[in-house]
Amino acid sequence: MRTLIERPSVSETIEINAAQYPRLIQAYEGLRWLLSRQPESGELLDAHHWIIKQPGVSEIKVPAITAIYRFDHATVEIITVLVSMPPV
């Protein structure tokens, strides 16, 4: 398991959107859990950056989360996230 680090802007994005999407915190915790254990689950963007897209479920108001991150043998750094509600 790797140590997870997130930039302050990531925390802010999650906090701001959590008011609108109450289940966002749970969805984001699930994404953090996955990335700390299997960061290679995403897709490689370039030599250092990865992207992962966690689908949302609009019927129960769980937003989709897209994250750009990088990792090494000890840490995963979440650089940015995008939160959006999938179309119905």
Protein backbone atom coordinates (compact mmCIF):
# COMPACT_ATOMS: atom_id res chain seq x y z
CA MET A 1 0.00 0.00 0.00
CA ARG A 2 1.33 3.44 -0.97
CA THR A 3 1.00 6.70 0.95
CA LEU A 4 -1.56 8.96 -0.70
CA ILE A 5 -0.84 12.67 -1.09
CA GLU A 6 -3.24 15.16 -2.61
CA ARG A 7 -2.66 18.73 -3.61
CA PRO A 8 -4.64 21.39 -1.70
CA SER A 9 -6.69 22.17 -4.80
CA VAL A 10 -7.91 18.55 -4.85
CA SER A 11 -9.16 18.77 -1.25
CA GLU A 12 -10.86 22.07 -2.07
CA THR A 13 -12.60 20.62 -5.13
CA ILE A 14 -13.93 17.68 -3.12
CA GLU A 15 -15.10 19.90 -0.24
CA ILE A 16 -16.84 22.40 -2.54
CA ASN A 17 -18.67 19.69 -4.49
CA ALA A 18 -19.58 17.60 -1.43
CA ALA A 19 -22.29 20.12 -0.52
CA GLN A 20 -24.02 19.44 -3.83
CA TYR A 21 -23.26 15.70 -3.98
CA PRO A 22 -23.46 14.13 -0.48
CA ARG A 23 -22.11 10.76 -1.70
CA LEU A 24 -19.04 12.32 -3.25
CA ILE A 25 -16.97 11.77 -0.11
CA GLN A 26 -17.67 8.03 -0.18
CA ALA A 27 -16.93 7.82 -3.90
CA TYR A 28 -13.68 9.73 -3.48
CA GLU A 29 -12.60 7.56 -0.53
CA GLY A 30 -13.15 4.52 -2.75
CA LEU A 31 -10.98 6.05 -5.45
CA ARG A 32 -8.27 6.87 -2.90
CA TRP A 33 -8.39 3.28 -1.64
CA LEU A 34 -7.95 1.92 -5.16
CA LEU A 35 -5.11 4.27 -6.07
CA SER A 36 -3.17 3.53 -2.89
CA ARG A 37 -3.29 -0.18 -3.68
CA GLN A 38 -3.38 -0.37 -7.49
CA PRO A 39 -2.24 2.93 -9.02
CA GLU A 40 -1.57 1.19 -12.32
CA SER A 41 -5.37 0.78 -12.67
CA GLY A 42 -5.50 4.08 -14.55
CA GLU A 43 -4.15 4.90 -17.99
CA LEU A 44 -0.72 6.36 -18.64
CA LEU A 45 -0.89 9.89 -20.10
CA ASP A 46 2.83 10.55 -20.52
CA ALA A 47 6.08 9.42 -18.93
CA HIS A 48 4.97 10.48 -15.43
CA HIS A 49 1.22 11.16 -15.28
CA TRP A 50 -1.74 8.82 -15.12
CA ILE A 51 -5.51 9.35 -15.44
CA ILE A 52 -8.35 7.38 -13.94
CA LYS A 53 -12.06 7.86 -14.59
CA GLN A 54 -14.44 6.59 -11.93
CA PRO A 55 -17.97 6.48 -13.36
CA GLY A 56 -20.80 8.03 -11.43
CA VAL A 57 -24.39 6.90 -11.00
CA SER A 58 -26.81 9.71 -11.70
CA GLU A 59 -29.86 7.82 -10.35
CA ILE A 60 -28.42 7.93 -6.82
CA LYS A 61 -26.53 11.21 -7.27
CA VAL A 62 -23.01 9.82 -7.17
CA PRO A 63 -20.83 12.02 -9.40
CA ALA A 64 -18.13 10.79 -11.73
CA ILE A 65 -14.58 11.56 -10.65
CA THR A 66 -11.67 11.96 -13.05
CA ALA A 67 -8.23 12.20 -11.45
CA ILE A 68 -4.77 12.91 -12.78
CA TYR A 69 -2.01 11.53 -10.60
CA ARG A 70 1.52 10.18 -10.50
CA PHE A 71 3.11 7.51 -8.37
CA ASP A 72 6.32 5.78 -7.40
CA HIS A 73 7.11 2.77 -5.23
CA ALA A 74 6.05 4.55 -2.01
CA THR A 75 3.55 7.31 -2.83
CA VAL A 76 0.63 8.33 -5.03
CA GLU A 77 0.14 12.05 -5.59
CA ILE A 78 -3.28 13.17 -6.80
CA ILE A 79 -2.61 16.29 -8.84
CA THR A 80 -6.11 17.31 -9.90
CA VAL A 81 -9.69 16.03 -9.93
CA LEU A 82 -12.78 16.81 -11.96
CA VAL A 83 -16.19 16.10 -10.47
CA SER A 84 -19.21 15.86 -12.76
CA MET A 85 -22.64 14.30 -12.76
CA PRO A 86 -23.07 11.79 -15.59
CA PRO A 87 -25.99 12.40 -17.94
CA VAL A 88 -29.25 10.66 -17.13
